[in-house]
Every structure is written in structure tokens, then in C-alpha cells.
């Protein structure tokens, strides 16, 4: 698997805690430009790391694969759940 960009790392780290966030919310929390978020979302959706939330494509959430990816990159801590 090819490495991921800084913007993709930022998007994953913002989504790791959970929730269904908009592009604007991700950009604000991650302190990056909206266009960078949009590009990262397209790339991460293609990898299966994030998906559109149940409220339509305007909100995004992390998948189990994305959470594992974030953990492997050191962007998330283990929850301790077995």
C-alpha cells in the first residue's frame, strides 16, 4: 500500500474519536483547508478507510479499516477493548 499524505493523516486523526463530521468540521478541527480535506476524503474513501455517514454523503465517519490504519500510523491509541 502506498503511503498516505499529511492531509489524509489529519482527516483520519480527526475522525478517530468517532462521529459523523462534515468537510467544514474536519477542516476546522484539523486546521487544514477544505480543498485538502475533500481530496483526502476521496482518497480515503477509495481505500475503504472512511465512508459517508448514514445521513448522506455530506458527513463522513471512519471505518474499522480506517481505525486500524490510524492505529498502525500512531494516530490513535488502543481503546483497551478486547
C-alpha atoms as a PDB file:
ATOM      1  CA  UNK A   1       0.000   0.000   0.000  1.00  0.00           C
ATOM      2  CA  UNK A   2       1.277   3.436  -0.924  1.00  0.00           C
ATOM      3  CA  UNK A   3       1.936   5.867   1.919  1.00  0.00           C
ATOM      4  CA  UNK A   4      -0.660   8.430   2.859  1.00  0.00           C
ATOM      5  CA  UNK A   5      -0.479  12.204   2.703  1.00  0.00           C
ATOM      6  CA  UNK A   6      -0.376  14.583   5.649  1.00  0.00           C
ATOM      7  CA  UNK A   7      -3.936  15.679   4.813  1.00  0.00           C
ATOM      8  CA  UNK A   8      -5.116  12.044   4.907  1.00  0.00           C
ATOM      9  CA  UNK A   9      -3.404  11.591   8.282  1.00  0.00           C
ATOM     10  CA  UNK A  10      -5.142  14.704   9.559  1.00  0.00           C
ATOM     11  CA  UNK A  11      -8.561  13.558   8.350  1.00  0.00           C
ATOM     12  CA  UNK A  12      -8.082  10.144   9.977  1.00  0.00           C
ATOM     13  CA  UNK A  13      -6.915  11.664  13.254  1.00  0.00           C
ATOM     14  CA  UNK A  14      -9.957  13.969  13.362  1.00  0.00           C
ATOM     15  CA  UNK A  15     -12.347  11.076  12.643  1.00  0.00           C
ATOM     16  CA  UNK A  16     -10.771   8.530  15.009  1.00  0.00           C
ATOM     17  CA  UNK A  17     -12.754   9.644  18.088  1.00  0.00           C
ATOM     18  CA  UNK A  18     -15.974   8.903  16.196  1.00  0.00           C
ATOM     19  CA  UNK A  19     -18.929  10.857  14.936  1.00  0.00           C
ATOM     20  CA  UNK A  20     -20.198  11.899  11.553  1.00  0.00           C
ATOM     21  CA  UNK A  21     -18.441  15.088  10.505  1.00  0.00           C
ATOM     22  CA  UNK A  22     -18.790  17.470   7.575  1.00  0.00           C
ATOM     23  CA  UNK A  23     -15.881  18.653   5.439  1.00  0.00           C
ATOM     24  CA  UNK A  24     -16.040  22.001   7.217  1.00  0.00           C
ATOM     25  CA  UNK A  25     -15.896  20.385  10.667  1.00  0.00           C
ATOM     26  CA  UNK A  26     -12.938  18.220   9.654  1.00  0.00           C
ATOM     27  CA  UNK A  27     -11.135  21.243   8.163  1.00  0.00           C
ATOM     28  CA  UNK A  28     -11.707  23.319  11.296  1.00  0.00           C
ATOM     29  CA  UNK A  29     -10.660  20.596  13.738  1.00  0.00           C
ATOM     30  CA  UNK A  30      -7.692  19.543  11.627  1.00  0.00           C
ATOM     31  CA  UNK A  31      -6.683  23.122  10.853  1.00  0.00           C
ATOM     32  CA  UNK A  32      -6.329  22.444   7.109  1.00  0.00           C
ATOM     33  CA  UNK A  33      -8.005  23.876   4.015  1.00  0.00           C
ATOM     34  CA  UNK A  34     -11.323  22.491   2.850  1.00  0.00           C
ATOM     35  CA  UNK A  35      -9.964  21.529  -0.573  1.00  0.00           C
ATOM     36  CA  UNK A  36      -7.247  19.434   1.097  1.00  0.00           C
ATOM     37  CA  UNK A  37      -9.933  17.713   3.166  1.00  0.00           C
ATOM     38  CA  UNK A  38     -12.039  16.994   0.075  1.00  0.00           C
ATOM     39  CA  UNK A  39      -9.094  15.446  -1.769  1.00  0.00           C
ATOM     40  CA  UNK A  40      -8.106  13.383   1.285  1.00  0.00           C
ATOM     41  CA  UNK A  41     -11.708  12.195   1.705  1.00  0.00           C
ATOM     42  CA  UNK A  42     -11.837  10.994  -1.910  1.00  0.00           C
ATOM     43  CA  UNK A  43      -8.572   9.103  -1.482  1.00  0.00           C
ATOM     44  CA  UNK A  44      -9.515   7.624   1.909  1.00  0.00           C
ATOM     45  CA  UNK A  45     -12.960   6.570   0.662  1.00  0.00           C
ATOM     46  CA  UNK A  46     -11.248   4.797  -2.227  1.00  0.00           C
ATOM     47  CA  UNK A  47      -9.146   2.855   0.262  1.00  0.00           C
ATOM     48  CA  UNK A  48     -12.157   1.997   2.414  1.00  0.00           C
ATOM     49  CA  UNK A  49     -10.763   3.946   5.380  1.00  0.00           C
ATOM     50  CA  UNK A  50     -13.752   6.276   5.674  1.00  0.00           C
ATOM     51  CA  UNK A  51     -17.312   6.214   4.436  1.00  0.00           C
ATOM     52  CA  UNK A  52     -20.240   8.554   4.090  1.00  0.00           C
ATOM     53  CA  UNK A  53     -22.311   8.556   7.238  1.00  0.00           C
ATOM     54  CA  UNK A  54     -25.904   7.378   7.436  1.00  0.00           C
ATOM     55  CA  UNK A  55     -27.052  10.970   6.904  1.00  0.00           C
ATOM     56  CA  UNK A  56     -25.828  11.111   3.295  1.00  0.00           C
ATOM     57  CA  UNK A  57     -22.558  11.997   1.647  1.00  0.00           C
ATOM     58  CA  UNK A  58     -22.241  15.352   3.422  1.00  0.00           C
ATOM     59  CA  UNK A  59     -20.931  13.662   6.600  1.00  0.00           C
ATOM     60  CA  UNK A  60     -18.110  11.183   6.992  1.00  0.00           C
ATOM     61  CA  UNK A  61     -17.049   8.587   9.525  1.00  0.00           C
ATOM     62  CA  UNK A  62     -14.080   6.287   9.954  1.00  0.00           C
ATOM     63  CA  UNK A  63     -14.410   2.573   9.162  1.00  0.00           C
ATOM     64  CA  UNK A  64     -12.883  -0.308  11.109  1.00  0.00           C
ATOM     65  CA  UNK A  65     -10.195  -0.497   8.425  1.00  0.00           C
ATOM     66  CA  UNK A  66      -9.543   3.242   8.806  1.00  0.00           C
ATOM     67  CA  UNK A  67      -9.303   2.907  12.581  1.00  0.00           C
ATOM     68  CA  UNK A  68      -6.751   0.095  12.146  1.00  0.00           C
ATOM     69  CA  UNK A  69      -4.816   2.220   9.661  1.00  0.00           C
ATOM     70  CA  UNK A  70      -4.835   5.174  12.049  1.00  0.00           C
ATOM     71  CA  UNK A  71      -3.648   2.917  14.866  1.00  0.00           C
ATOM     72  CA  UNK A  72      -0.826   1.490  12.731  1.00  0.00           C
ATOM     73  CA  UNK A  73       0.289   5.037  11.861  1.00  0.00           C
ATOM     74  CA  UNK A  74       0.282   6.085  15.515  1.00  0.00           C
ATOM     75  CA  UNK A  75      -2.684   8.414  15.012  1.00  0.00           C
ATOM     76  CA  UNK A  76      -4.881   6.572  17.511  1.00  0.00           C
ATOM     77  CA  UNK A  77      -4.397   4.849  20.815  1.00  0.00           C
ATOM     78  CA  UNK A  78      -5.687   1.419  21.662  1.00  0.00           C
ATOM     79  CA  UNK A  79      -9.053   1.580  23.396  1.00  0.00           C
ATOM     80  CA  UNK A  80      -8.165  -1.424  25.515  1.00  0.00           C
ATOM     81  CA  UNK A  81     -11.301  -3.210  24.379  1.00  0.00           C
ATOM     82  CA  UNK A  82     -10.762  -6.895  23.693  1.00  0.00           C
END
